Amino acid sequence: MPFIVFKRERQILEYISQYYQRFGYSPTMSEVAIGIGLNAPSTIHEHVENLVKKGFLTKKPGQARGMEVVSDKFRTAINQGAPELPVLGFIAAGAPLEPHTDPNFYMQVAPSMIAKDKSAYILQVKGTSMIDDGILDGDYVVVQHQQDAKNGDIVVAVLPSGFATLKRIYFETDKVRLEPANSTMTPIYATNVKIQGKVVGVIRKFTA
């Protein structure tokens, strides 16, 4: 009988997975506690030990950053229902990625929206640079973690200045063109652009 992943355990696994994707190494227990909004380190230790026993997490003794998510098993578990992805922050044209005000904000997405072998996250859009592609101010975009892209993909791109933007990417001979989907705006041309993910879906919340 498969083990159940409870909501808090899922948050911990997602946080560790997303942290590793971003920085290339795992977070410490304290960083996990801060990241998911828990003040008691002992509670994190308890959840981590449970996840190790269930086989969703491995931990190297004596290493502060020795936690590692067993991706195949975890993805199988969460794909049995609608997966929840963390809303990591806001993205606006020509501004740094801004962390979301609620570190515990998760949204459910359709399992078919994300690849089983890749992690994903959600960003909220600020601005109108992609309105002609149907991405409006206030929408949420589902971003699949990857560092490569094809011409025409909508990506989260980080410029050498550290600024991030949501644009369609095109690879030219000696530079990259980041094309807005707004006829009033001009493309951005740059070199040494870092791709932090590809947009695979849009979520829109309607207010009364």
N, C-alpha and C. Protein backbone atom coordinates (compact mmCIF):
# COMPACT_ATOMS: atom_id res chain seq x y z
N MET A 1 0.85 -1.20 0.00
CA MET A 1 0.00 0.00 0.00
C MET A 1 0.88 1.25 0.00
N PRO A 2 0.65 2.20 -0.93
CA PRO A 2 1.51 3.39 -1.00
C PRO A 2 1.31 4.31 0.19
N PHE A 3 2.37 4.99 0.56
CA PHE A 3 2.29 5.96 1.64
C PHE A 3 1.55 7.21 1.17
N ILE A 4 0.89 7.88 2.11
CA ILE A 4 0.21 9.13 1.82
C ILE A 4 1.16 10.29 2.11
N VAL A 5 1.17 11.28 1.21
CA VAL A 5 1.93 12.50 1.43
C VAL A 5 0.97 13.56 1.95
N PHE A 6 1.14 13.97 3.19
CA PHE A 6 0.26 14.97 3.77
C PHE A 6 0.66 16.37 3.28
N LYS A 7 -0.25 17.34 3.47
CA LYS A 7 -0.06 18.68 2.91
C LYS A 7 1.26 19.30 3.35
N ARG A 8 1.58 19.27 4.65
CA ARG A 8 2.81 19.88 5.14
C ARG A 8 4.03 19.14 4.59
N GLU A 9 3.94 17.82 4.50
CA GLU A 9 5.04 17.05 3.93
C GLU A 9 5.24 17.42 2.46
N ARG A 10 4.15 17.60 1.75
CA ARG A 10 4.25 18.00 0.34
C ARG A 10 4.92 19.36 0.21
N GLN A 11 4.56 20.28 1.10
CA GLN A 11 5.18 21.61 1.07
C GLN A 11 6.69 21.51 1.27
N ILE A 12 7.10 20.65 2.20
CA ILE A 12 8.53 20.48 2.47
C ILE A 12 9.24 19.88 1.25
N LEU A 13 8.65 18.85 0.66
CA LEU A 13 9.27 18.22 -0.51
C LEU A 13 9.34 19.19 -1.68
N GLU A 14 8.26 19.93 -1.91
CA GLU A 14 8.26 20.91 -3.00
C GLU A 14 9.31 22.00 -2.75
N TYR A 15 9.39 22.46 -1.51
CA TYR A 15 10.35 23.52 -1.21
C TYR A 15 11.78 23.05 -1.45
N ILE A 16 12.11 21.84 -0.97
CA ILE A 16 13.46 21.30 -1.16
C ILE A 16 13.76 21.14 -2.64
N SER A 17 12.77 20.63 -3.40
CA SER A 17 12.95 20.41 -4.82
C SER A 17 13.16 21.73 -5.56
N GLN A 18 12.32 22.73 -5.27
CA GLN A 18 12.43 24.02 -5.94
C GLN A 18 13.74 24.73 -5.56
N TYR A 19 14.13 24.62 -4.30
CA TYR A 19 15.37 25.24 -3.82
C TYR A 19 16.57 24.64 -4.57
N TYR A 20 16.56 23.31 -4.71
CA TYR A 20 17.67 22.65 -5.40
C TYR A 20 17.73 23.08 -6.86
N GLN A 21 16.56 23.19 -7.49
CA GLN A 21 16.52 23.59 -8.89
C GLN A 21 17.10 24.99 -9.07
N ARG A 22 16.86 25.87 -8.11
CA ARG A 22 17.31 27.26 -8.22
C ARG A 22 18.78 27.44 -7.90
N PHE A 23 19.26 26.73 -6.86
CA PHE A 23 20.61 27.01 -6.36
C PHE A 23 21.63 25.89 -6.62
N GLY A 24 21.14 24.70 -6.96
CA GLY A 24 22.05 23.60 -7.23
C GLY A 24 22.47 22.82 -6.01
N TYR A 25 21.91 23.14 -4.86
CA TYR A 25 22.17 22.38 -3.63
C TYR A 25 20.93 22.48 -2.75
N SER A 26 20.85 21.59 -1.76
CA SER A 26 19.66 21.51 -0.93
C SER A 26 19.67 22.55 0.20
N PRO A 27 18.49 22.92 0.69
CA PRO A 27 18.44 23.86 1.81
C PRO A 27 18.76 23.18 3.13
N THR A 28 19.08 23.98 4.13
CA THR A 28 19.24 23.46 5.49
C THR A 28 17.86 23.32 6.13
N MET A 29 17.80 22.66 7.27
CA MET A 29 16.54 22.53 8.01
C MET A 29 15.96 23.91 8.34
N SER A 30 16.84 24.82 8.76
CA SER A 30 16.38 26.16 9.14
C SER A 30 15.80 26.89 7.94
N GLU A 31 16.43 26.74 6.78
CA GLU A 31 15.93 27.38 5.57
C GLU A 31 14.58 26.81 5.15
N VAL A 32 14.41 25.51 5.33
CA VAL A 32 13.11 24.90 5.04
C VAL A 32 12.03 25.47 5.97
N ALA A 33 12.37 25.57 7.25
CA ALA A 33 11.42 26.10 8.23
C ALA A 33 10.98 27.51 7.87
N ILE A 34 11.96 28.35 7.52
CA ILE A 34 11.64 29.73 7.13
C ILE A 34 10.84 29.75 5.84
N GLY A 35 11.23 28.90 4.91
CA GLY A 35 10.60 28.90 3.59
C GLY A 35 9.14 28.51 3.60
N ILE A 36 8.75 27.63 4.51
CA ILE A 36 7.34 27.22 4.55
C ILE A 36 6.60 27.82 5.74
N GLY A 37 7.27 28.72 6.46
CA GLY A 37 6.59 29.46 7.51
C GLY A 37 6.42 28.73 8.84
N LEU A 38 7.35 27.82 9.16
CA LEU A 38 7.30 27.13 10.44
C LEU A 38 8.40 27.67 11.35
N ASN A 39 8.05 27.98 12.57
CA ASN A 39 9.02 28.56 13.50
C ASN A 39 9.75 27.52 14.34
N ALA A 40 9.21 26.32 14.43
CA ALA A 40 9.79 25.30 15.31
C ALA A 40 10.64 24.32 14.50
N PRO A 41 11.98 24.37 14.64
CA PRO A 41 12.85 23.43 13.92
C PRO A 41 12.54 21.98 14.25
N SER A 42 12.10 21.73 15.47
CA SER A 42 11.80 20.34 15.86
C SER A 42 10.67 19.76 15.02
N THR A 43 9.73 20.60 14.61
CA THR A 43 8.62 20.15 13.76
C THR A 43 9.14 19.75 12.39
N ILE A 44 10.08 20.53 11.86
CA ILE A 44 10.67 20.20 10.56
C ILE A 44 11.42 18.87 10.65
N HIS A 45 12.19 18.69 11.72
CA HIS A 45 12.93 17.43 11.92
C HIS A 45 11.96 16.24 11.91
N GLU A 46 10.84 16.39 12.56
CA GLU A 46 9.85 15.30 12.64
C GLU A 46 9.30 14.98 11.26
N HIS A 47 8.93 16.01 10.51
CA HIS A 47 8.40 15.79 9.16
C HIS A 47 9.45 15.16 8.26
N VAL A 48 10.69 15.63 8.35
CA VAL A 48 11.76 15.10 7.52
C VAL A 48 12.00 13.62 7.82
N GLU A 49 12.02 13.27 9.10
CA GLU A 49 12.21 11.86 9.47
C GLU A 49 11.08 10.99 8.93
N ASN A 50 9.85 11.51 8.97
CA ASN A 50 8.72 10.76 8.43
C ASN A 50 8.86 10.56 6.92
N LEU A 51 9.33 11.60 6.23
CA LEU A 51 9.49 11.51 4.78
C LEU A 51 10.62 10.55 4.41
N VAL A 52 11.66 10.50 5.23
CA VAL A 52 12.74 9.53 5.01
C VAL A 52 12.21 8.11 5.17
N LYS A 53 11.40 7.89 6.21
CA LYS A 53 10.84 6.56 6.46
C LYS A 53 9.91 6.13 5.33
N LYS A 54 9.18 7.09 4.76
CA LYS A 54 8.25 6.79 3.67
C LYS A 54 8.96 6.61 2.33
N GLY A 55 10.24 7.01 2.28
CA GLY A 55 11.00 6.83 1.05
C GLY A 55 10.94 7.99 0.08
N PHE A 56 10.35 9.12 0.50
CA PHE A 56 10.25 10.28 -0.38
C PHE A 56 11.46 11.19 -0.29
N LEU A 57 12.30 10.97 0.72
CA LEU A 57 13.42 11.86 0.98
C LEU A 57 14.60 11.03 1.47
N THR A 58 15.80 11.39 1.04
CA THR A 58 17.01 10.80 1.60
C THR A 58 17.78 11.89 2.34
N LYS A 59 18.57 11.46 3.30
CA LYS A 59 19.32 12.43 4.11
C LYS A 59 20.70 11.86 4.41
N LYS A 60 21.73 12.63 4.08
CA LYS A 60 23.11 12.19 4.33
C LYS A 60 23.52 12.62 5.73
N PRO A 61 23.89 11.68 6.57
CA PRO A 61 24.26 12.00 7.96
C PRO A 61 25.41 12.99 8.03
N GLY A 62 25.29 13.95 8.94
CA GLY A 62 26.36 14.90 9.19
C GLY A 62 26.49 16.02 8.19
N GLN A 63 25.58 16.08 7.21
CA GLN A 63 25.63 17.15 6.20
C GLN A 63 24.42 18.07 6.37
N ALA A 64 24.69 19.35 6.55
CA ALA A 64 23.60 20.32 6.76
C ALA A 64 22.71 20.43 5.52
N ARG A 65 23.32 20.21 4.34
CA ARG A 65 22.57 20.29 3.09
C ARG A 65 22.49 18.92 2.41
N GLY A 66 22.25 17.91 3.22
CA GLY A 66 22.28 16.54 2.73
C GLY A 66 20.95 15.94 2.36
N MET A 67 19.87 16.76 2.32
CA MET A 67 18.54 16.23 1.98
C MET A 67 18.35 16.19 0.47
N GLU A 68 17.71 15.14 0.00
CA GLU A 68 17.45 15.01 -1.43
C GLU A 68 16.10 14.33 -1.65
N VAL A 69 15.29 14.94 -2.51
CA VAL A 69 13.96 14.39 -2.81
C VAL A 69 14.11 13.21 -3.77
N VAL A 70 13.42 12.11 -3.46
CA VAL A 70 13.35 10.96 -4.37
C VAL A 70 12.28 11.29 -5.40
N SER A 71 12.70 11.90 -6.49
CA SER A 71 11.78 12.55 -7.43
C SER A 71 10.73 11.61 -8.00
N ASP A 72 11.15 10.44 -8.47
CA ASP A 72 10.20 9.54 -9.13
C ASP A 72 9.06 9.14 -8.20
N LYS A 73 9.41 8.80 -6.98
CA LYS A 73 8.39 8.36 -6.04
C LYS A 73 7.48 9.51 -5.64
N PHE A 74 8.05 10.69 -5.44
CA PHE A 74 7.26 11.84 -5.03
C PHE A 74 6.32 12.26 -6.15
N ARG A 75 6.82 12.33 -7.38
CA ARG A 75 5.97 12.74 -8.50
C ARG A 75 4.83 11.75 -8.73
N THR A 76 5.11 10.46 -8.56
CA THR A 76 4.06 9.46 -8.69
C THR A 76 2.97 9.70 -7.66
N ALA A 77 3.37 10.03 -6.45
CA ALA A 77 2.40 10.26 -5.37
C ALA A 77 1.54 11.48 -5.63
N ILE A 78 2.16 12.60 -6.02
CA ILE A 78 1.37 13.82 -6.17
C ILE A 78 0.55 13.82 -7.45
N ASN A 79 0.96 13.05 -8.46
CA ASN A 79 0.21 13.01 -9.70
C ASN A 79 -1.02 12.13 -9.62
N GLN A 80 -1.23 11.46 -8.47
CA GLN A 80 -2.45 10.70 -8.28
C GLN A 80 -3.64 11.65 -8.15
N GLY A 81 -3.40 12.89 -7.80
CA GLY A 81 -4.44 13.90 -7.73
C GLY A 81 -3.93 15.16 -8.41
N ALA A 82 -4.65 16.26 -8.22
CA ALA A 82 -4.21 17.52 -8.81
C ALA A 82 -3.02 18.04 -8.02
N PRO A 83 -1.84 18.17 -8.65
CA PRO A 83 -0.66 18.64 -7.90
C PRO A 83 -0.80 20.10 -7.49
N GLU A 84 -0.18 20.44 -6.39
CA GLU A 84 -0.12 21.82 -5.92
C GLU A 84 1.28 22.36 -6.17
N LEU A 85 1.35 23.55 -6.75
CA LEU A 85 2.64 24.16 -7.02
C LEU A 85 2.79 25.43 -6.19
N PRO A 86 4.01 25.73 -5.75
CA PRO A 86 4.21 26.94 -4.96
C PRO A 86 4.18 28.19 -5.83
N VAL A 87 3.53 29.23 -5.33
CA VAL A 87 3.57 30.54 -5.99
C VAL A 87 4.77 31.27 -5.41
N LEU A 88 5.85 31.34 -6.18
CA LEU A 88 7.13 31.82 -5.64
C LEU A 88 7.26 33.34 -5.65
N GLY A 89 6.51 34.01 -6.51
CA GLY A 89 6.67 35.46 -6.52
C GLY A 89 6.00 36.12 -7.69
N PHE A 90 6.44 37.35 -7.97
CA PHE A 90 5.89 38.17 -9.05
C PHE A 90 6.96 38.38 -10.11
N ILE A 91 6.53 38.49 -11.36
CA ILE A 91 7.46 38.83 -12.42
C ILE A 91 6.90 39.99 -13.21
N ALA A 92 7.73 41.00 -13.44
CA ALA A 92 7.36 42.16 -14.23
C ALA A 92 8.48 42.47 -15.20
N ALA A 93 8.15 43.09 -16.31
CA ALA A 93 9.16 43.41 -17.31
C ALA A 93 10.19 44.37 -16.72
N GLY A 94 11.47 43.99 -16.84
CA GLY A 94 12.54 44.89 -16.42
C GLY A 94 12.68 45.09 -14.94
N ALA A 95 12.31 44.13 -14.14
CA ALA A 95 12.45 44.24 -12.68
C ALA A 95 12.90 42.90 -12.13
N PRO A 96 13.60 42.88 -10.98
CA PRO A 96 13.99 41.61 -10.39
C PRO A 96 12.77 40.79 -9.99
N LEU A 97 12.94 39.48 -9.94
CA LEU A 97 11.87 38.63 -9.43
C LEU A 97 11.57 39.04 -7.99
N GLU A 98 10.31 39.26 -7.71
CA GLU A 98 9.91 39.71 -6.38
C GLU A 98 9.24 38.55 -5.64
N PRO A 99 9.74 38.15 -4.47
CA PRO A 99 9.13 37.03 -3.73
C PRO A 99 7.67 37.32 -3.39
N HIS A 100 6.88 36.27 -3.35
CA HIS A 100 5.47 36.44 -2.98
C HIS A 100 5.36 36.73 -1.49
N THR A 101 4.35 37.48 -1.13
CA THR A 101 4.20 37.87 0.28
C THR A 101 3.79 36.71 1.17
N ASP A 102 3.21 35.66 0.59
CA ASP A 102 2.77 34.50 1.37
C ASP A 102 3.60 33.28 0.97
N PRO A 103 4.56 32.85 1.80
CA PRO A 103 5.42 31.71 1.43
C PRO A 103 4.67 30.39 1.40
N ASN A 104 3.44 30.36 1.94
CA ASN A 104 2.65 29.13 1.96
C ASN A 104 1.57 29.11 0.88
N PHE A 105 1.68 29.98 -0.11
CA PHE A 105 0.67 30.08 -1.16
C PHE A 105 0.94 29.01 -2.21
N TYR A 106 0.02 28.06 -2.32
CA TYR A 106 0.09 27.01 -3.32
C TYR A 106 -1.18 27.05 -4.18
N MET A 107 -1.06 26.62 -5.43
CA MET A 107 -2.22 26.54 -6.31
C MET A 107 -2.23 25.18 -6.98
N GLN A 108 -3.43 24.63 -7.16
CA GLN A 108 -3.57 23.35 -7.84
C GLN A 108 -3.57 23.56 -9.35
N VAL A 109 -2.93 22.63 -10.05
CA VAL A 109 -2.93 22.66 -11.51
C VAL A 109 -3.29 21.27 -12.02
N ALA A 110 -3.70 21.21 -13.27
CA ALA A 110 -4.03 19.92 -13.87
C ALA A 110 -2.75 19.10 -14.05
N PRO A 111 -2.79 17.80 -13.71
CA PRO A 111 -1.58 16.97 -13.85
C PRO A 111 -1.02 16.99 -15.26
N SER A 112 -1.88 17.15 -16.27
CA SER A 112 -1.41 17.14 -17.66
C SER A 112 -0.63 18.40 -18.03
N MET A 113 -0.68 19.42 -17.18
CA MET A 113 -0.03 20.68 -17.50
C MET A 113 1.48 20.62 -17.33
N ILE A 114 1.96 19.76 -16.44
CA ILE A 114 3.39 19.73 -16.13
C ILE A 114 3.98 18.36 -16.43
N ALA A 115 5.24 18.36 -16.83
CA ALA A 115 5.94 17.10 -17.12
C ALA A 115 6.21 16.35 -15.82
N LYS A 116 6.11 15.05 -15.86
CA LYS A 116 6.30 14.23 -14.66
C LYS A 116 7.75 14.24 -14.18
N ASP A 117 8.68 14.47 -15.10
CA ASP A 117 10.10 14.39 -14.73
C ASP A 117 10.73 15.75 -14.49
N LYS A 118 9.92 16.83 -14.43
CA LYS A 118 10.46 18.16 -14.18
C LYS A 118 9.64 18.87 -13.12
N SER A 119 10.32 19.66 -12.31
CA SER A 119 9.61 20.43 -11.30
C SER A 119 9.08 21.72 -11.93
N ALA A 120 8.14 22.33 -11.24
CA ALA A 120 7.51 23.54 -11.77
C ALA A 120 7.12 24.46 -10.63
N TYR A 121 6.84 25.69 -10.96
CA TYR A 121 6.42 26.66 -9.97
C TYR A 121 5.51 27.67 -10.65
N ILE A 122 4.97 28.60 -9.87
CA ILE A 122 4.03 29.59 -10.39
C ILE A 122 4.52 30.99 -10.05
N LEU A 123 4.37 31.90 -10.99
CA LEU A 123 4.66 33.31 -10.78
C LEU A 123 3.43 34.13 -11.14
N GLN A 124 3.22 35.24 -10.43
CA GLN A 124 2.12 36.13 -10.78
C GLN A 124 2.67 37.27 -11.64
N VAL A 125 1.94 37.58 -12.69
CA VAL A 125 2.39 38.55 -13.68
C VAL A 125 2.02 39.97 -13.27
N LYS A 126 2.98 40.87 -13.42
CA LYS A 126 2.73 42.30 -13.25
C LYS A 126 3.03 42.98 -14.58
N GLY A 127 2.07 43.73 -15.11
CA GLY A 127 2.32 44.44 -16.34
C GLY A 127 1.56 43.86 -17.52
N THR A 128 1.74 44.50 -18.68
CA THR A 128 0.95 44.17 -19.87
C THR A 128 1.81 43.80 -21.08
N SER A 129 3.04 43.38 -20.85
CA SER A 129 3.94 43.13 -21.97
C SER A 129 3.56 41.88 -22.77
N MET A 130 2.70 41.01 -22.24
CA MET A 130 2.34 39.78 -22.94
C MET A 130 0.84 39.67 -23.20
N ILE A 131 0.15 40.81 -23.25
CA ILE A 131 -1.32 40.77 -23.36
C ILE A 131 -1.80 40.18 -24.69
N ASP A 132 -1.04 40.37 -25.78
CA ASP A 132 -1.48 39.83 -27.07
C ASP A 132 -1.38 38.31 -27.12
N ASP A 133 -0.67 37.71 -26.17
CA ASP A 133 -0.64 36.25 -26.04
C ASP A 133 -1.63 35.77 -24.98
N GLY A 134 -2.47 36.68 -24.51
CA GLY A 134 -3.50 36.29 -23.54
C GLY A 134 -3.01 36.19 -22.12
N ILE A 135 -1.85 36.76 -21.83
CA ILE A 135 -1.31 36.78 -20.47
C ILE A 135 -1.50 38.19 -19.94
N LEU A 136 -2.43 38.35 -19.00
CA LEU A 136 -2.83 39.67 -18.54
C LEU A 136 -2.22 40.01 -17.19
N ASP A 137 -2.23 41.28 -16.86
CA ASP A 137 -1.77 41.74 -15.55
C ASP A 137 -2.57 41.05 -14.46
N GLY A 138 -1.88 40.41 -13.51
CA GLY A 138 -2.55 39.69 -12.43
C GLY A 138 -2.72 38.21 -12.67
N ASP A 139 -2.48 37.75 -13.91
CA ASP A 139 -2.56 36.31 -14.18
C ASP A 139 -1.42 35.57 -13.49
N TYR A 140 -1.60 34.27 -13.35
CA TYR A 140 -0.56 33.39 -12.81
C TYR A 140 -0.05 32.51 -13.96
N VAL A 141 1.28 32.44 -14.11
CA VAL A 141 1.85 31.57 -15.13
C VAL A 141 2.52 30.37 -14.47
N VAL A 142 2.27 29.20 -15.06
CA VAL A 142 2.91 27.97 -14.59
C VAL A 142 4.22 27.82 -15.35
N VAL A 143 5.31 27.74 -14.61
CA VAL A 143 6.65 27.74 -15.22
C VAL A 143 7.33 26.40 -14.94
N GLN A 144 7.72 25.73 -16.00
CA GLN A 144 8.46 24.47 -15.87
C GLN A 144 9.95 24.77 -15.79
N HIS A 145 10.60 24.24 -14.76
CA HIS A 145 12.04 24.48 -14.58
C HIS A 145 12.83 23.88 -15.74
N GLN A 146 13.55 24.73 -16.46
CA GLN A 146 14.50 24.27 -17.46
C GLN A 146 15.39 25.45 -17.85
N GLN A 147 16.57 25.13 -18.34
CA GLN A 147 17.54 26.17 -18.69
C GLN A 147 17.75 26.29 -20.19
N ASP A 148 16.93 25.56 -20.96
CA ASP A 148 17.00 25.66 -22.41
C ASP A 148 15.62 26.01 -22.95
N ALA A 149 15.57 26.41 -24.21
CA ALA A 149 14.30 26.78 -24.83
C ALA A 149 14.45 26.73 -26.33
N LYS A 150 13.31 26.73 -27.03
CA LYS A 150 13.29 26.79 -28.48
C LYS A 150 12.79 28.17 -28.91
N ASN A 151 13.10 28.55 -30.13
CA ASN A 151 12.61 29.81 -30.66
C ASN A 151 11.08 29.89 -30.53
N GLY A 152 10.63 31.00 -29.95
CA GLY A 152 9.19 31.21 -29.81
C GLY A 152 8.62 30.79 -28.47
N ASP A 153 9.41 30.09 -27.64
CA ASP A 153 8.93 29.71 -26.30
C ASP A 153 8.77 30.97 -25.45
N ILE A 154 7.76 30.96 -24.59
CA ILE A 154 7.63 32.02 -23.58
C ILE A 154 8.42 31.58 -22.36
N VAL A 155 9.38 32.40 -21.97
CA VAL A 155 10.30 32.00 -20.91
C VAL A 155 10.42 33.07 -19.83
N VAL A 156 10.90 32.62 -18.67
CA VAL A 156 11.37 33.54 -17.64
C VAL A 156 12.86 33.71 -17.90
N ALA A 157 13.23 34.91 -18.34
CA ALA A 157 14.62 35.18 -18.72
C ALA A 157 15.24 36.19 -17.76
N VAL A 158 16.46 35.92 -17.33
CA VAL A 158 17.18 36.84 -16.45
C VAL A 158 18.32 37.47 -17.25
N LEU A 159 18.32 38.79 -17.30
CA LEU A 159 19.33 39.55 -18.05
C LEU A 159 20.62 39.67 -17.24
N PRO A 160 21.73 40.01 -17.88
CA PRO A 160 23.00 40.16 -17.15
C PRO A 160 22.92 41.16 -16.00
N SER A 161 22.01 42.13 -16.09
CA SER A 161 21.82 43.11 -15.03
C SER A 161 21.16 42.52 -13.79
N GLY A 162 20.62 41.30 -13.92
CA GLY A 162 19.89 40.69 -12.80
C GLY A 162 18.40 40.87 -12.91
N PHE A 163 17.95 41.69 -13.85
CA PHE A 163 16.53 41.90 -14.05
C PHE A 163 15.93 40.68 -14.75
N ALA A 164 14.67 40.40 -14.44
CA ALA A 164 13.97 39.26 -15.03
C ALA A 164 12.80 39.76 -15.88
N THR A 165 12.44 38.97 -16.87
CA THR A 165 11.33 39.36 -17.72
C THR A 165 10.65 38.12 -18.28
N LEU A 166 9.38 38.28 -18.63
CA LEU A 166 8.59 37.22 -19.23
C LEU A 166 8.37 37.58 -20.70
N LYS A 167 8.99 36.83 -21.62
CA LYS A 167 8.94 37.18 -23.04
C LYS A 167 9.06 35.91 -23.89
N ARG A 168 8.74 36.08 -25.19
CA ARG A 168 9.07 35.02 -26.15
C ARG A 168 10.54 35.17 -26.53
N ILE A 169 11.24 34.06 -26.59
CA ILE A 169 12.68 34.11 -26.84
C ILE A 169 12.99 33.66 -28.27
N TYR A 170 13.92 34.38 -28.88
CA TYR A 170 14.40 34.03 -30.22
C TYR A 170 15.93 34.13 -30.21
N PHE A 171 16.59 33.11 -30.74
CA PHE A 171 18.04 33.06 -30.75
C PHE A 171 18.56 33.56 -32.10
N GLU A 172 19.29 34.66 -32.07
CA GLU A 172 19.87 35.21 -33.28
C GLU A 172 21.38 34.92 -33.31
N THR A 173 22.07 35.37 -34.34
CA THR A 173 23.47 34.98 -34.55
C THR A 173 24.37 35.26 -33.35
N ASP A 174 24.29 36.47 -32.82
CA ASP A 174 25.20 36.86 -31.74
C ASP A 174 24.49 37.40 -30.51
N LYS A 175 23.17 37.23 -30.47
CA LYS A 175 22.41 37.74 -29.33
C LYS A 175 21.08 37.04 -29.24
N VAL A 176 20.36 37.37 -28.18
CA VAL A 176 19.03 36.83 -27.96
C VAL A 176 18.02 37.96 -28.07
N ARG A 177 16.91 37.69 -28.74
CA ARG A 177 15.83 38.67 -28.81
C ARG A 177 14.68 38.22 -27.92
N LEU A 178 14.31 39.08 -26.99
CA LEU A 178 13.19 38.80 -26.10
C LEU A 178 12.03 39.66 -26.55
N GLU A 179 11.03 39.00 -27.12
CA GLU A 179 9.95 39.69 -27.83
C GLU A 179 8.70 39.81 -26.95
N PRO A 180 8.22 41.04 -26.71
CA PRO A 180 6.97 41.21 -25.98
C PRO A 180 5.78 40.89 -26.89
N ALA A 181 4.66 40.57 -26.29
CA ALA A 181 3.42 40.38 -27.05
C ALA A 181 2.52 41.57 -26.78
N ASN A 182 3.04 42.73 -27.17
CA ASN A 182 2.33 43.99 -26.99
C ASN A 182 2.87 44.94 -28.06
N SER A 183 2.00 45.37 -28.97
CA SER A 183 2.43 46.15 -30.13
C SER A 183 3.01 47.52 -29.76
N THR A 184 2.79 47.96 -28.52
CA THR A 184 3.32 49.27 -28.10
C THR A 184 4.72 49.16 -27.52
N MET A 185 5.25 47.93 -27.39
CA MET A 185 6.55 47.73 -26.75
C MET A 185 7.57 47.19 -27.75
N THR A 186 8.82 47.46 -27.49
CA THR A 186 9.90 47.02 -28.37
C THR A 186 10.63 45.82 -27.77
N PRO A 187 11.28 45.01 -28.62
CA PRO A 187 12.01 43.84 -28.11
C PRO A 187 13.22 44.25 -27.27
N ILE A 188 13.68 43.30 -26.47
CA ILE A 188 14.92 43.47 -25.72
C ILE A 188 15.97 42.59 -26.40
N TYR A 189 17.14 43.17 -26.69
CA TYR A 189 18.25 42.42 -27.26
C TYR A 189 19.34 42.29 -26.19
N ALA A 190 19.85 41.08 -26.00
CA ALA A 190 20.84 40.88 -24.94
C ALA A 190 21.69 39.65 -25.24
N THR A 191 22.82 39.58 -24.55
CA THR A 191 23.65 38.38 -24.58
C THR A 191 23.74 37.84 -23.15
N ASN A 192 24.20 36.61 -23.01
CA ASN A 192 24.34 35.98 -21.69
C ASN A 192 23.03 35.98 -20.91
N VAL A 193 21.95 35.66 -21.60
CA VAL A 193 20.64 35.57 -20.95
C VAL A 193 20.51 34.20 -20.29
N LYS A 194 20.05 34.17 -19.06
CA LYS A 194 19.82 32.92 -18.34
C LYS A 194 18.33 32.60 -18.35
N ILE A 195 18.01 31.39 -18.73
CA ILE A 195 16.62 30.95 -18.76
C ILE A 195 16.32 30.21 -17.45
N GLN A 196 15.27 30.64 -16.78
CA GLN A 196 14.89 30.00 -15.51
C GLN A 196 13.67 29.11 -15.64
N GLY A 197 13.09 29.05 -16.83
CA GLY A 197 11.96 28.17 -17.01
C GLY A 197 11.12 28.57 -18.21
N LYS A 198 10.27 27.64 -18.65
CA LYS A 198 9.37 27.87 -19.78
C LYS A 198 7.93 27.88 -19.29
N VAL A 199 7.15 28.83 -19.78
CA VAL A 199 5.74 28.92 -19.39
C VAL A 199 4.98 27.80 -20.10
N VAL A 200 4.24 27.02 -19.30
CA VAL A 200 3.46 25.90 -19.86
C VAL A 200 1.97 26.06 -19.61
N GLY A 201 1.58 27.12 -18.90
CA GLY A 201 0.16 27.32 -18.65
C GLY A 201 -0.11 28.66 -18.00
N VAL A 202 -1.36 29.08 -18.09
CA VAL A 202 -1.80 30.34 -17.49
C VAL A 202 -3.04 30.06 -16.64
N ILE A 203 -3.05 30.66 -15.45
CA ILE A 203 -4.20 30.55 -14.55
C ILE A 203 -4.74 31.96 -14.32
N ARG A 204 -6.05 32.11 -14.46
CA ARG A 204 -6.65 33.43 -14.24
C ARG A 204 -7.75 33.30 -13.19
N LYS A 205 -7.68 34.21 -12.22
CA LYS A 205 -8.71 34.25 -11.19
C LYS A 205 -9.64 35.41 -11.49
N PHE A 206 -10.93 35.13 -11.49
CA PHE A 206 -11.92 36.17 -11.74
C PHE A 206 -12.48 36.67 -10.41
N THR A 207 -12.63 37.96 -10.30
CA THR A 207 -13.22 38.54 -9.09
C THR A 207 -14.61 39.04 -9.38
N ALA A 208 -15.44 39.00 -8.36
CA ALA A 208 -16.84 39.41 -8.53
C ALA A 208 -16.92 40.92 -8.72
